Amino acid sequence: MPLFPRPSLFLPCLLLAASTVAQAADAPKAARPDLAALLECRAREADFAALQPILEDPLKAVALGWRPLPQSNLFMTEYALIAPVTVFGHPTSQIAFSGPSIMAILDLPDPRVLARQLQLEEGVDSEEKVMYGREVRSEDTTDPKTGEPMIESIILSVSNVKSHPGKTLAGCSYSLDLPEEPEEPGAPADVQAPAKGG
């Protein structure tokens, strides 16, 4: 039995294989998230929501060059970046996620310096805890899944955390919130008639 198929079959198979390889090379790669935009509040809530499949699958994170780190804080999931990212003029190789927030972990011992630079409002400022923030976007939108009216809110924040002494956390929270229901005009207060003297 010949080692290779007949020449009449071999050539079409070879051409098909070459075509498949070429198509795979030309296929668009999955879009990489723009970490700097997400961290600096230049992205949108939909961009943040698109990260969920990555956060749920460590292999997808590794494929992007994010190395999962041991959890040093119960409320944060941390990654080391193979390629550093620059956030507000400061390079970092470490990011963290907490609920609807993405944060850069910066080598800045005093968060107040960056908070002043970004003109953030004071939330908490004590010896142990520093937290500054500002809402940078609040606008009407719709929930892409249900179509119901929502408000897209993006909040920039700078803080510190006990688990990372000497570091500053800077980043954004992205959320879709239900609009506040208009307050109904209050019922008039009951007015008691003055008691008649006996």
Protein backbone atom coordinates (compact mmCIF):
# COMPACT_ATOMS: atom_id res chain seq x y z
CA MET A 1 0.00 0.00 0.00
CA PRO A 2 1.52 3.39 -0.93
CA LEU A 3 2.53 5.68 1.93
CA PHE A 4 0.79 8.71 0.39
CA PRO A 5 -2.61 8.84 -1.33
CA ARG A 6 -2.73 8.85 -5.09
CA PRO A 7 -1.41 12.10 -6.62
CA SER A 8 -4.89 12.85 -7.92
CA LEU A 9 -6.16 12.99 -4.29
CA PHE A 10 -3.05 14.36 -2.60
CA LEU A 11 -2.94 17.69 -4.46
CA PRO A 12 -6.56 18.71 -3.65
CA CYS A 13 -6.03 17.73 0.03
CA LEU A 14 -2.85 19.81 0.17
CA LEU A 15 -4.60 22.82 -1.37
CA LEU A 16 -7.52 22.49 1.05
CA ALA A 17 -5.16 22.35 4.05
CA ALA A 18 -3.22 25.40 2.84
CA SER A 19 -6.48 27.30 2.34
CA THR A 20 -7.65 26.43 5.86
CA VAL A 21 -4.37 27.62 7.40
CA ALA A 22 -4.54 30.87 5.44
CA GLN A 23 -8.11 31.50 6.57
CA ALA A 24 -7.17 30.89 10.20
CA ALA A 25 -4.29 33.36 9.88
CA ASP A 26 -6.57 35.97 8.32
CA ALA A 27 -9.37 35.49 10.90
CA PRO A 28 -9.72 38.52 13.16
CA LYS A 29 -8.34 37.95 16.63
CA ALA A 30 -10.62 38.51 19.62
CA ALA A 31 -10.54 42.17 20.51
CA ARG A 32 -8.28 42.85 23.47
CA PRO A 33 -9.85 45.02 26.15
CA ASP A 34 -8.43 48.54 26.34
CA LEU A 35 -7.28 48.39 29.95
CA ALA A 36 -6.08 51.99 30.08
CA ALA A 37 -9.47 53.24 28.86
CA LEU A 38 -11.32 51.04 31.36
CA LEU A 39 -9.11 52.14 34.24
CA GLU A 40 -9.28 55.84 33.35
CA CYS A 41 -13.08 55.88 32.90
CA ARG A 42 -12.84 56.46 29.15
CA ALA A 43 -14.75 53.25 28.40
CA ARG A 44 -18.45 52.44 28.78
CA GLU A 45 -20.40 50.04 30.97
CA ALA A 46 -20.78 47.66 28.01
CA ASP A 47 -16.98 47.48 27.67
CA PHE A 48 -16.69 46.52 31.33
CA ALA A 49 -19.50 43.96 31.01
CA ALA A 50 -17.59 42.37 28.11
CA LEU A 51 -14.84 41.41 30.57
CA GLN A 52 -17.08 38.96 32.47
CA PRO A 53 -16.25 35.89 30.31
CA ILE A 54 -12.54 36.63 30.87
CA LEU A 55 -12.95 36.96 34.63
CA GLU A 56 -14.90 33.69 34.75
CA ASP A 57 -12.30 31.70 32.79
CA PRO A 58 -8.65 31.88 33.99
CA LEU A 59 -7.47 30.45 30.66
CA LYS A 60 -8.97 33.40 28.78
CA ALA A 61 -7.21 35.78 31.16
CA VAL A 62 -3.89 33.99 30.64
CA ALA A 63 -4.39 34.17 26.86
CA LEU A 64 -4.58 37.97 27.21
CA GLY A 65 -1.35 38.10 29.20
CA TRP A 66 -3.01 38.38 32.62
CA ARG A 67 -1.56 36.07 35.27
CA PRO A 68 -3.95 35.36 38.16
CA LEU A 69 -2.38 36.24 41.54
CA PRO A 70 -3.02 34.71 44.95
CA GLN A 71 -5.93 36.48 46.63
CA SER A 72 -4.42 38.78 49.26
CA ASN A 73 -7.74 40.61 49.74
CA LEU A 74 -11.04 38.72 50.05
CA PHE A 75 -12.86 41.42 48.09
CA MET A 76 -10.47 41.67 45.14
CA THR A 77 -9.40 39.43 42.25
CA GLU A 78 -5.89 40.38 41.12
CA TYR A 79 -3.84 39.86 37.98
CA ALA A 80 -0.21 40.54 37.02
CA LEU A 81 0.14 41.93 33.50
CA ILE A 82 2.82 40.67 31.14
CA ALA A 83 2.67 44.04 29.35
CA PRO A 84 2.47 47.00 31.78
CA VAL A 85 -0.24 49.60 31.30
CA THR A 86 0.02 53.34 32.03
CA VAL A 87 -2.80 54.81 34.10
CA PHE A 88 -2.99 58.55 34.79
CA GLY A 89 0.69 58.82 33.87
CA HIS A 90 1.83 55.98 36.15
CA PRO A 91 2.91 52.55 34.83
CA THR A 92 1.65 49.42 36.54
CA SER A 93 1.83 45.66 36.03
CA GLN A 94 -0.97 44.83 38.44
CA ILE A 95 -4.74 45.25 38.21
CA ALA A 96 -7.63 44.18 40.41
CA PHE A 97 -11.38 43.69 40.12
CA SER A 98 -13.94 44.12 42.87
CA GLY A 99 -17.63 43.90 42.00
CA PRO A 100 -18.34 46.51 39.32
CA SER A 101 -14.87 48.07 39.67
CA ILE A 102 -11.55 47.72 37.86
CA MET A 103 -8.48 49.21 39.54
CA ALA A 104 -4.81 49.73 38.83
CA ILE A 105 -2.48 49.07 41.76
CA LEU A 106 0.06 51.89 41.59
CA ASP A 107 3.37 52.40 43.38
CA LEU A 108 2.17 55.61 45.04
CA PRO A 109 2.33 55.71 48.85
CA ASP A 110 -0.11 58.63 49.22
CA PRO A 111 -3.39 58.44 47.27
CA ARG A 112 -4.14 62.10 48.03
CA VAL A 113 -1.55 63.29 45.50
CA LEU A 114 -3.31 61.56 42.60
CA ALA A 115 -6.76 62.46 43.98
CA ARG A 116 -5.83 66.17 43.91
CA GLN A 117 -4.40 65.82 40.39
CA LEU A 118 -7.70 64.28 39.22
CA GLN A 119 -9.80 66.84 41.15
CA LEU A 120 -11.68 64.18 43.08
CA GLU A 121 -14.01 64.78 46.01
CA GLU A 122 -13.10 63.60 49.48
CA GLY A 123 -15.06 60.60 50.71
CA VAL A 124 -12.95 59.34 53.61
CA ASP A 125 -9.62 60.74 54.75
CA SER A 126 -8.17 59.33 57.96
CA GLU A 127 -4.86 57.85 59.08
CA GLU A 128 -5.94 54.37 58.01
CA LYS A 129 -8.32 54.92 55.11
CA VAL A 130 -8.24 57.34 52.17
CA MET A 131 -10.99 57.36 49.55
CA TYR A 132 -11.71 60.04 46.95
CA GLY A 133 -14.05 59.89 43.97
CA ARG A 134 -16.16 61.65 41.35
CA GLU A 135 -18.94 60.60 39.00
CA VAL A 136 -17.65 61.20 35.49
CA ARG A 137 -20.68 59.96 33.58
CA SER A 138 -24.39 59.70 34.34
CA GLU A 139 -26.70 59.42 31.38
CA ASP A 140 -29.89 57.74 30.23
CA THR A 141 -29.54 54.46 28.36
CA THR A 142 -31.32 51.13 28.03
CA ASP A 143 -30.53 47.70 29.39
CA PRO A 144 -29.17 45.74 26.37
CA LYS A 145 -30.83 42.55 27.66
CA THR A 146 -34.28 43.83 28.58
CA GLY A 147 -34.56 47.16 26.74
CA GLU A 148 -35.82 48.89 29.89
CA PRO A 149 -34.66 52.44 30.68
CA MET A 150 -31.51 52.60 32.80
CA ILE A 151 -28.93 55.14 33.91
CA GLU A 152 -25.30 54.43 33.03
CA SER A 153 -23.07 55.58 35.88
CA ILE A 154 -19.27 55.68 35.82
CA ILE A 155 -17.37 56.67 38.96
CA LEU A 156 -13.65 57.42 39.13
CA SER A 157 -12.02 56.65 42.47
CA VAL A 158 -8.65 56.71 44.19
CA SER A 159 -8.06 54.96 47.50
CA ASN A 160 -5.79 52.82 49.61
CA VAL A 161 -6.38 49.42 51.20
CA LYS A 162 -4.78 47.65 54.18
CA SER A 163 -3.87 44.56 52.17
CA HIS A 164 -1.59 46.64 49.90
CA PRO A 165 0.46 48.99 52.10
CA GLY A 166 2.30 51.74 50.25
CA LYS A 167 0.09 51.34 47.17
CA THR A 168 -2.67 53.44 45.63
CA LEU A 169 -5.71 51.93 43.94
CA ALA A 170 -7.04 54.00 41.04
CA GLY A 171 -9.82 53.02 38.70
CA CYS A 172 -13.48 53.02 37.78
CA SER A 173 -16.83 51.57 38.75
CA TYR A 174 -19.29 50.88 35.94
CA SER A 175 -22.98 50.30 36.58
CA LEU A 176 -26.44 50.38 35.05
CA ASP A 177 -28.96 51.65 37.58
CA LEU A 178 -32.72 51.95 37.50
CA PRO A 179 -33.91 55.56 37.20
CA GLU A 180 -35.21 57.06 40.40
CA GLU A 181 -38.96 57.10 40.48
CA PRO A 182 -40.39 60.60 40.69
CA GLU A 183 -41.55 61.43 44.17
CA GLU A 184 -45.28 61.74 44.52
CA PRO A 185 -46.40 65.04 46.02
CA GLY A 186 -46.90 64.48 49.73
CA ALA A 187 -50.39 64.50 51.15
CA PRO A 188 -51.20 67.65 53.07
CA ALA A 189 -50.44 67.36 56.72
CA ASP A 190 -53.43 66.80 58.94
CA VAL A 191 -54.41 70.01 60.66
CA GLN A 192 -56.20 69.56 63.89
CA ALA A 193 -58.83 72.11 64.73
CA PRO A 194 -58.08 73.88 67.99
CA ALA A 195 -60.04 72.42 70.84
CA LYS A 196 -62.94 74.54 71.95
CA GLY A 197 -62.82 75.77 75.48
CA GLY A 198 -65.55 74.31 77.80
